[in-house]
N, C-alpha and C. Protein backbone atom coordinates (compact mmCIF):
# COMPACT_ATOMS: atom_id res chain seq x y z
N MET A 1 -182.61 -40.53 -208.92
CA MET A 1 -182.69 -41.46 -207.81
C MET A 1 -183.57 -40.84 -206.74
N GLY A 2 -184.44 -41.59 -206.31
CA GLY A 2 -185.36 -41.11 -205.30
C GLY A 2 -184.99 -41.65 -203.93
N LYS A 3 -185.98 -41.73 -203.15
CA LYS A 3 -185.83 -42.22 -201.79
C LYS A 3 -185.57 -43.73 -201.81
N LYS A 4 -184.67 -44.17 -200.95
CA LYS A 4 -184.38 -45.61 -200.89
C LYS A 4 -185.54 -46.32 -200.20
N LYS A 5 -185.92 -47.42 -200.75
CA LYS A 5 -187.01 -48.20 -200.18
C LYS A 5 -186.42 -49.37 -199.42
N LYS A 6 -187.11 -49.74 -198.34
CA LYS A 6 -186.65 -50.85 -197.52
C LYS A 6 -187.60 -52.02 -197.69
N PHE A 7 -187.00 -53.20 -197.70
CA PHE A 7 -187.79 -54.43 -197.90
C PHE A 7 -187.47 -55.41 -196.79
N ARG A 8 -188.47 -56.29 -196.57
CA ARG A 8 -188.31 -57.35 -195.58
C ARG A 8 -188.77 -58.66 -196.22
N PHE A 9 -188.03 -59.71 -195.90
CA PHE A 9 -188.38 -61.02 -196.47
C PHE A 9 -189.52 -61.62 -195.66
N ASN A 10 -190.55 -62.07 -196.34
CA ASN A 10 -191.68 -62.72 -195.71
C ASN A 10 -191.54 -64.22 -195.97
N PRO A 11 -191.26 -65.04 -194.92
CA PRO A 11 -191.04 -66.47 -195.14
C PRO A 11 -192.30 -67.23 -195.54
N GLU A 12 -193.47 -66.69 -195.27
CA GLU A 12 -194.70 -67.39 -195.64
C GLU A 12 -194.96 -67.32 -197.15
N THR A 13 -194.74 -66.13 -197.70
CA THR A 13 -194.99 -65.97 -199.14
C THR A 13 -193.72 -66.11 -199.96
N LEU A 14 -192.60 -66.19 -199.29
CA LEU A 14 -191.28 -66.28 -199.91
C LEU A 14 -191.03 -65.12 -200.87
N ASN A 15 -191.50 -63.96 -200.49
CA ASN A 15 -191.31 -62.73 -201.26
C ASN A 15 -190.77 -61.63 -200.35
N TYR A 16 -190.20 -60.64 -201.00
CA TYR A 16 -189.79 -59.45 -200.28
C TYR A 16 -190.93 -58.44 -200.32
N GLU A 17 -191.26 -57.89 -199.15
CA GLU A 17 -192.35 -56.92 -199.07
C GLU A 17 -191.78 -55.57 -198.65
N GLN A 18 -192.31 -54.53 -199.22
CA GLN A 18 -191.83 -53.19 -198.90
C GLN A 18 -192.32 -52.80 -197.51
N ILE A 19 -191.39 -52.16 -196.73
CA ILE A 19 -191.72 -51.73 -195.37
C ILE A 19 -192.25 -50.31 -195.44
N GLU A 20 -193.41 -50.09 -194.87
CA GLU A 20 -194.01 -48.76 -194.80
C GLU A 20 -193.97 -48.31 -193.34
N HIS A 21 -193.22 -47.25 -193.08
CA HIS A 21 -193.12 -46.73 -191.71
C HIS A 21 -194.19 -45.66 -191.51
N THR A 22 -194.84 -45.73 -190.34
CA THR A 22 -195.88 -44.76 -190.02
C THR A 22 -195.25 -43.47 -189.50
N PHE A 23 -196.06 -42.44 -189.42
CA PHE A 23 -195.58 -41.16 -188.90
C PHE A 23 -195.16 -41.29 -187.44
N GLY A 24 -195.90 -42.05 -186.66
CA GLY A 24 -195.57 -42.27 -185.24
C GLY A 24 -194.22 -42.95 -185.08
N TYR A 25 -193.95 -43.93 -185.94
CA TYR A 25 -192.66 -44.62 -185.89
C TYR A 25 -191.52 -43.66 -186.21
N LYS A 26 -191.71 -42.86 -187.26
CA LYS A 26 -190.68 -41.89 -187.64
C LYS A 26 -190.47 -40.84 -186.55
N LEU A 27 -191.57 -40.38 -185.94
CA LEU A 27 -191.47 -39.39 -184.86
C LEU A 27 -190.74 -39.97 -183.65
N LYS A 28 -191.07 -41.23 -183.33
CA LYS A 28 -190.41 -41.88 -182.19
C LYS A 28 -188.92 -42.03 -182.43
N ARG A 29 -188.52 -42.42 -183.62
CA ARG A 29 -187.09 -42.55 -183.96
C ARG A 29 -186.39 -41.19 -183.89
N PHE A 30 -187.05 -40.15 -184.43
CA PHE A 30 -186.48 -38.81 -184.40
C PHE A 30 -186.27 -38.33 -182.96
N LEU A 31 -187.29 -38.51 -182.11
CA LEU A 31 -187.17 -38.09 -180.71
C LEU A 31 -186.11 -38.90 -179.97
N MET A 32 -185.96 -40.17 -180.33
CA MET A 32 -184.94 -41.01 -179.70
C MET A 32 -183.55 -40.46 -180.01
N TYR A 33 -183.31 -40.08 -181.27
CA TYR A 33 -182.02 -39.51 -181.65
C TYR A 33 -181.78 -38.17 -180.94
N ILE A 34 -182.80 -37.34 -180.89
CA ILE A 34 -182.66 -36.03 -180.25
C ILE A 34 -182.38 -36.19 -178.75
N LEU A 35 -183.15 -37.03 -178.07
CA LEU A 35 -182.95 -37.23 -176.63
C LEU A 35 -181.58 -37.84 -176.32
N THR A 36 -181.14 -38.76 -177.15
CA THR A 36 -179.81 -39.35 -176.97
C THR A 36 -178.73 -38.27 -177.11
N GLY A 37 -178.88 -37.41 -178.11
CA GLY A 37 -177.91 -36.33 -178.30
C GLY A 37 -177.91 -35.34 -177.15
N VAL A 38 -179.10 -34.96 -176.68
CA VAL A 38 -179.20 -34.01 -175.56
C VAL A 38 -178.62 -34.64 -174.30
N PHE A 39 -178.97 -35.87 -174.02
CA PHE A 39 -178.45 -36.56 -172.83
C PHE A 39 -176.93 -36.66 -172.87
N SER A 40 -176.38 -37.04 -174.03
CA SER A 40 -174.92 -37.11 -174.17
C SER A 40 -174.29 -35.74 -173.99
N GLY A 41 -174.93 -34.72 -174.55
CA GLY A 41 -174.41 -33.36 -174.41
C GLY A 41 -174.38 -32.91 -172.96
N VAL A 42 -175.42 -33.22 -172.21
CA VAL A 42 -175.47 -32.83 -170.79
C VAL A 42 -174.38 -33.56 -170.02
N ILE A 43 -174.19 -34.83 -170.27
CA ILE A 43 -173.15 -35.59 -169.57
C ILE A 43 -171.77 -35.03 -169.89
N PHE A 44 -171.50 -34.77 -171.16
CA PHE A 44 -170.20 -34.22 -171.54
C PHE A 44 -170.00 -32.82 -170.97
N PHE A 45 -171.07 -32.03 -170.91
CA PHE A 45 -170.97 -30.68 -170.35
C PHE A 45 -170.56 -30.74 -168.89
N PHE A 46 -171.25 -31.57 -168.08
CA PHE A 46 -170.91 -31.64 -166.66
C PHE A 46 -169.53 -32.27 -166.44
N ALA A 47 -169.17 -33.24 -167.25
CA ALA A 47 -167.83 -33.83 -167.14
C ALA A 47 -166.78 -32.78 -167.48
N PHE A 48 -167.01 -32.00 -168.51
CA PHE A 48 -166.08 -30.94 -168.90
C PHE A 48 -165.96 -29.89 -167.80
N MET A 49 -167.10 -29.48 -167.24
CA MET A 49 -167.08 -28.47 -166.18
C MET A 49 -166.39 -28.99 -164.92
N HIS A 50 -166.48 -30.28 -164.68
CA HIS A 50 -165.89 -30.85 -163.47
C HIS A 50 -164.38 -31.04 -163.61
N PHE A 51 -163.92 -31.48 -164.76
CA PHE A 51 -162.51 -31.83 -164.92
C PHE A 51 -161.65 -30.74 -165.54
N VAL A 52 -162.21 -29.86 -166.33
CA VAL A 52 -161.43 -28.83 -167.00
C VAL A 52 -161.66 -27.51 -166.29
N LYS A 53 -160.58 -26.87 -165.86
CA LYS A 53 -160.67 -25.60 -165.14
C LYS A 53 -160.58 -24.44 -166.12
N SER A 54 -161.41 -23.44 -165.88
CA SER A 54 -161.38 -22.26 -166.73
C SER A 54 -160.19 -21.39 -166.34
N PRO A 55 -159.78 -20.46 -167.20
CA PRO A 55 -158.67 -19.57 -166.84
C PRO A 55 -158.95 -18.78 -165.57
N ARG A 56 -160.19 -18.38 -165.36
CA ARG A 56 -160.55 -17.63 -164.13
C ARG A 56 -160.37 -18.53 -162.90
N GLU A 57 -160.80 -19.79 -163.01
CA GLU A 57 -160.63 -20.71 -161.88
C GLU A 57 -159.14 -20.94 -161.59
N LYS A 58 -158.34 -21.08 -162.64
CA LYS A 58 -156.90 -21.27 -162.44
C LYS A 58 -156.29 -20.05 -161.77
N GLN A 59 -156.71 -18.86 -162.17
CA GLN A 59 -156.20 -17.63 -161.56
C GLN A 59 -156.59 -17.57 -160.09
N LEU A 60 -157.84 -17.91 -159.78
CA LEU A 60 -158.29 -17.89 -158.39
C LEU A 60 -157.54 -18.93 -157.55
N MET A 61 -157.25 -20.08 -158.14
CA MET A 61 -156.49 -21.10 -157.40
C MET A 61 -155.08 -20.61 -157.10
N ARG A 62 -154.44 -19.92 -158.08
CA ARG A 62 -153.12 -19.36 -157.83
C ARG A 62 -153.17 -18.30 -156.75
N GLU A 63 -154.20 -17.45 -156.78
CA GLU A 63 -154.34 -16.42 -155.75
C GLU A 63 -154.53 -17.06 -154.38
N ASN A 64 -155.33 -18.13 -154.31
CA ASN A 64 -155.51 -18.84 -153.04
C ASN A 64 -154.18 -19.39 -152.53
N GLN A 65 -153.39 -19.96 -153.43
CA GLN A 65 -152.08 -20.51 -153.02
C GLN A 65 -151.19 -19.39 -152.50
N ASN A 66 -151.21 -18.23 -153.17
CA ASN A 66 -150.41 -17.10 -152.71
C ASN A 66 -150.86 -16.61 -151.34
N ILE A 67 -152.17 -16.56 -151.15
CA ILE A 67 -152.69 -16.13 -149.86
C ILE A 67 -152.29 -17.11 -148.76
N LEU A 68 -152.39 -18.40 -149.05
CA LEU A 68 -152.01 -19.41 -148.05
C LEU A 68 -150.53 -19.32 -147.71
N SER A 69 -149.69 -19.08 -148.71
CA SER A 69 -148.26 -18.95 -148.41
C SER A 69 -147.99 -17.69 -147.58
N GLN A 70 -148.72 -16.61 -147.87
CA GLN A 70 -148.57 -15.38 -147.07
C GLN A 70 -149.01 -15.63 -145.63
N TYR A 71 -150.13 -16.33 -145.45
CA TYR A 71 -150.59 -16.65 -144.10
C TYR A 71 -149.57 -17.52 -143.36
N THR A 72 -148.95 -18.44 -144.06
CA THR A 72 -147.93 -19.28 -143.44
C THR A 72 -146.75 -18.45 -142.97
N LEU A 73 -146.31 -17.52 -143.82
CA LEU A 73 -145.20 -16.64 -143.42
C LEU A 73 -145.59 -15.76 -142.23
N LEU A 74 -146.81 -15.23 -142.26
CA LEU A 74 -147.27 -14.41 -141.15
C LEU A 74 -147.34 -15.22 -139.85
N ASN A 75 -147.80 -16.46 -139.95
CA ASN A 75 -147.86 -17.30 -138.75
C ASN A 75 -146.47 -17.59 -138.19
N LYS A 76 -145.49 -17.79 -139.08
CA LYS A 76 -144.12 -18.01 -138.61
C LYS A 76 -143.59 -16.76 -137.90
N GLN A 77 -143.87 -15.60 -138.47
CA GLN A 77 -143.44 -14.35 -137.83
C GLN A 77 -144.12 -14.17 -136.48
N LEU A 78 -145.41 -14.49 -136.43
CA LEU A 78 -146.13 -14.37 -135.16
C LEU A 78 -145.56 -15.34 -134.12
N ASP A 79 -145.17 -16.54 -134.53
CA ASP A 79 -144.54 -17.48 -133.60
C ASP A 79 -143.22 -16.92 -133.06
N GLU A 80 -142.44 -16.30 -133.95
CA GLU A 80 -141.17 -15.69 -133.51
C GLU A 80 -141.44 -14.57 -132.52
N TYR A 81 -142.42 -13.72 -132.83
CA TYR A 81 -142.74 -12.61 -131.93
C TYR A 81 -143.28 -13.11 -130.61
N ASP A 82 -144.03 -14.22 -130.65
CA ASP A 82 -144.54 -14.79 -129.41
C ASP A 82 -143.40 -15.30 -128.54
N ALA A 83 -142.40 -15.93 -129.16
CA ALA A 83 -141.23 -16.39 -128.40
C ALA A 83 -140.48 -15.21 -127.80
N ILE A 84 -140.34 -14.14 -128.56
CA ILE A 84 -139.66 -12.95 -128.05
C ILE A 84 -140.43 -12.35 -126.89
N LEU A 85 -141.74 -12.26 -127.01
CA LEU A 85 -142.56 -11.71 -125.92
C LEU A 85 -142.51 -12.59 -124.67
N SER A 86 -142.44 -13.90 -124.86
CA SER A 86 -142.32 -14.80 -123.70
C SER A 86 -140.98 -14.57 -122.99
N ASP A 87 -139.93 -14.38 -123.78
CA ASP A 87 -138.62 -14.08 -123.19
C ASP A 87 -138.66 -12.75 -122.44
N ILE A 88 -139.29 -11.75 -123.00
CA ILE A 88 -139.40 -10.45 -122.32
C ILE A 88 -140.20 -10.59 -121.03
N GLN A 89 -141.26 -11.41 -121.07
CA GLN A 89 -142.07 -11.62 -119.87
C GLN A 89 -141.23 -12.29 -118.78
N LEU A 90 -140.42 -13.28 -119.15
CA LEU A 90 -139.56 -13.94 -118.15
C LEU A 90 -138.56 -12.95 -117.56
N ARG A 91 -137.95 -12.14 -118.41
CA ARG A 91 -137.00 -11.13 -117.91
C ARG A 91 -137.70 -10.15 -116.99
N ASP A 92 -138.91 -9.74 -117.37
CA ASP A 92 -139.65 -8.79 -116.55
C ASP A 92 -139.96 -9.38 -115.19
N ASP A 93 -140.41 -10.64 -115.18
CA ASP A 93 -140.75 -11.27 -113.90
C ASP A 93 -139.52 -11.54 -113.04
N ASN A 94 -138.43 -11.99 -113.65
CA ASN A 94 -137.27 -12.43 -112.87
C ASN A 94 -136.24 -11.35 -112.61
N LEU A 95 -136.08 -10.41 -113.49
CA LEU A 95 -134.99 -9.46 -113.34
C LEU A 95 -135.46 -8.06 -112.96
N TYR A 96 -136.25 -7.46 -113.81
CA TYR A 96 -136.62 -6.07 -113.60
C TYR A 96 -137.52 -5.89 -112.38
N ARG A 97 -138.42 -6.82 -112.15
CA ARG A 97 -139.31 -6.71 -110.98
C ARG A 97 -138.50 -6.85 -109.69
N VAL A 98 -137.45 -7.67 -109.73
CA VAL A 98 -136.60 -7.83 -108.54
C VAL A 98 -135.76 -6.58 -108.31
N ILE A 99 -135.19 -6.05 -109.39
CA ILE A 99 -134.33 -4.87 -109.26
C ILE A 99 -135.13 -3.67 -108.77
N PHE A 100 -136.30 -3.45 -109.36
CA PHE A 100 -137.10 -2.27 -109.00
C PHE A 100 -138.09 -2.56 -107.88
N GLN A 101 -138.10 -3.74 -107.38
CA GLN A 101 -138.96 -4.17 -106.28
C GLN A 101 -140.42 -3.80 -106.54
N ALA A 102 -140.87 -4.18 -107.70
CA ALA A 102 -142.26 -3.91 -108.08
C ALA A 102 -143.05 -5.20 -108.03
N GLU A 103 -144.34 -5.05 -107.87
CA GLU A 103 -145.22 -6.21 -107.85
C GLU A 103 -145.34 -6.77 -109.27
N PRO A 104 -145.38 -8.09 -109.42
CA PRO A 104 -145.55 -8.65 -110.76
C PRO A 104 -146.94 -8.33 -111.33
N ILE A 105 -147.00 -8.27 -112.61
CA ILE A 105 -148.28 -8.00 -113.28
C ILE A 105 -149.12 -9.27 -113.19
N PRO A 106 -150.38 -9.14 -112.76
CA PRO A 106 -151.23 -10.34 -112.66
C PRO A 106 -151.45 -11.00 -114.04
N LEU A 107 -151.62 -12.33 -114.02
CA LEU A 107 -151.83 -13.06 -115.27
C LEU A 107 -153.11 -12.64 -115.98
N SER A 108 -154.12 -12.26 -115.21
CA SER A 108 -155.37 -11.84 -115.84
C SER A 108 -155.17 -10.60 -116.70
N VAL A 109 -154.27 -9.71 -116.28
CA VAL A 109 -153.99 -8.51 -117.07
C VAL A 109 -153.13 -8.87 -118.27
N ARG A 110 -152.15 -9.74 -118.06
CA ARG A 110 -151.25 -10.13 -119.17
C ARG A 110 -151.99 -10.87 -120.27
N HIS A 111 -152.94 -11.71 -119.90
CA HIS A 111 -153.62 -12.53 -120.89
C HIS A 111 -154.98 -11.97 -121.30
N SER A 112 -155.26 -10.75 -120.94
CA SER A 112 -156.56 -10.17 -121.30
C SER A 112 -156.60 -9.91 -122.80
N ILE A 113 -157.77 -10.07 -123.33
CA ILE A 113 -157.96 -9.87 -124.75
C ILE A 113 -158.69 -8.54 -124.93
N SER A 114 -158.15 -7.72 -125.79
CA SER A 114 -158.83 -6.45 -126.05
C SER A 114 -159.97 -6.71 -127.02
N HIS A 115 -161.11 -6.20 -126.69
CA HIS A 115 -162.28 -6.39 -127.53
C HIS A 115 -162.49 -5.13 -128.36
N ASN A 116 -161.75 -5.07 -129.46
CA ASN A 116 -161.84 -3.94 -130.36
C ASN A 116 -162.78 -4.33 -131.50
N ASN A 117 -164.08 -4.13 -131.30
CA ASN A 117 -165.08 -4.57 -132.28
C ASN A 117 -164.96 -3.81 -133.59
N GLU A 118 -164.55 -2.57 -133.55
CA GLU A 118 -164.41 -1.81 -134.79
C GLU A 118 -163.35 -2.45 -135.69
N TYR A 119 -162.26 -2.93 -135.09
CA TYR A 119 -161.20 -3.57 -135.86
C TYR A 119 -161.72 -4.82 -136.55
N TYR A 120 -162.49 -5.64 -135.83
CA TYR A 120 -163.02 -6.88 -136.42
C TYR A 120 -164.08 -6.58 -137.48
N ASP A 121 -164.90 -5.57 -137.27
CA ASP A 121 -165.87 -5.18 -138.29
C ASP A 121 -165.17 -4.71 -139.55
N ASP A 122 -164.07 -3.99 -139.36
CA ASP A 122 -163.28 -3.52 -140.50
C ASP A 122 -162.69 -4.71 -141.26
N LEU A 123 -162.25 -5.73 -140.54
CA LEU A 123 -161.70 -6.92 -141.19
C LEU A 123 -162.74 -7.64 -142.04
N LEU A 124 -163.98 -7.67 -141.59
CA LEU A 124 -165.03 -8.34 -142.35
C LEU A 124 -165.31 -7.66 -143.68
N GLU A 125 -165.04 -6.38 -143.77
CA GLU A 125 -165.31 -5.63 -145.01
C GLU A 125 -164.14 -5.69 -145.98
N GLN A 126 -162.98 -6.19 -145.56
CA GLN A 126 -161.79 -6.19 -146.41
C GLN A 126 -161.67 -7.49 -147.19
N THR A 127 -160.92 -7.41 -148.30
CA THR A 127 -160.60 -8.61 -149.05
C THR A 127 -159.41 -9.30 -148.40
N ASN A 128 -159.11 -10.50 -148.88
CA ASN A 128 -158.00 -11.26 -148.30
C ASN A 128 -156.67 -10.53 -148.45
N TYR A 129 -156.44 -9.94 -149.63
CA TYR A 129 -155.17 -9.26 -149.85
C TYR A 129 -155.02 -8.04 -148.94
N GLU A 130 -156.11 -7.32 -148.74
CA GLU A 130 -156.04 -6.16 -147.85
C GLU A 130 -155.72 -6.59 -146.42
N ILE A 131 -156.30 -7.70 -145.99
CA ILE A 131 -156.03 -8.20 -144.64
C ILE A 131 -154.57 -8.60 -144.51
N ILE A 132 -154.03 -9.28 -145.53
CA ILE A 132 -152.63 -9.69 -145.49
C ILE A 132 -151.71 -8.48 -145.44
N VAL A 133 -152.00 -7.50 -146.28
CA VAL A 133 -151.15 -6.30 -146.31
C VAL A 133 -151.21 -5.57 -144.97
N ASN A 134 -152.42 -5.39 -144.43
CA ASN A 134 -152.54 -4.70 -143.15
C ASN A 134 -151.83 -5.45 -142.02
N THR A 135 -151.99 -6.77 -142.00
CA THR A 135 -151.34 -7.57 -140.96
C THR A 135 -149.83 -7.53 -141.10
N THR A 136 -149.35 -7.62 -142.33
CA THR A 136 -147.89 -7.55 -142.55
C THR A 136 -147.35 -6.20 -142.15
N GLN A 137 -148.07 -5.14 -142.48
CA GLN A 137 -147.61 -3.81 -142.08
C GLN A 137 -147.58 -3.68 -140.56
N ARG A 138 -148.60 -4.20 -139.90
CA ARG A 138 -148.61 -4.13 -138.44
C ARG A 138 -147.47 -4.94 -137.83
N LEU A 139 -147.18 -6.12 -138.42
CA LEU A 139 -146.09 -6.94 -137.89
C LEU A 139 -144.74 -6.27 -138.11
N ASN A 140 -144.57 -5.63 -139.28
CA ASN A 140 -143.29 -4.96 -139.55
C ASN A 140 -143.14 -3.75 -138.67
């Protein structure tokens, strides 16, 4: 058995005529199949990359969630410490300053921000976990 031949009915002669495909026609069909396959592959690749997470991405997402929960806990602790410091400030202003007859500390001194640039530069060089550990150690 050889190659299958294709025929087309010619209504004028009422006969079947053999179809001869040119090289250009065959090349065009071949390129059409190849381009369709490549295009489908690209679409499936981007869809896969968008919807399916790799194990590394899943691990990084878990680490991000852990970091966010640590930051939440640290913020709660900082809020508690802020409340305690406010209470100490009220006691200092109302009780101890009266007993010892000392001048109150000016607000500009109480609310001054220390500009420790070395500390902030050090923070920029650290990873998130190192920052969390250092902050937690300082809070404890």
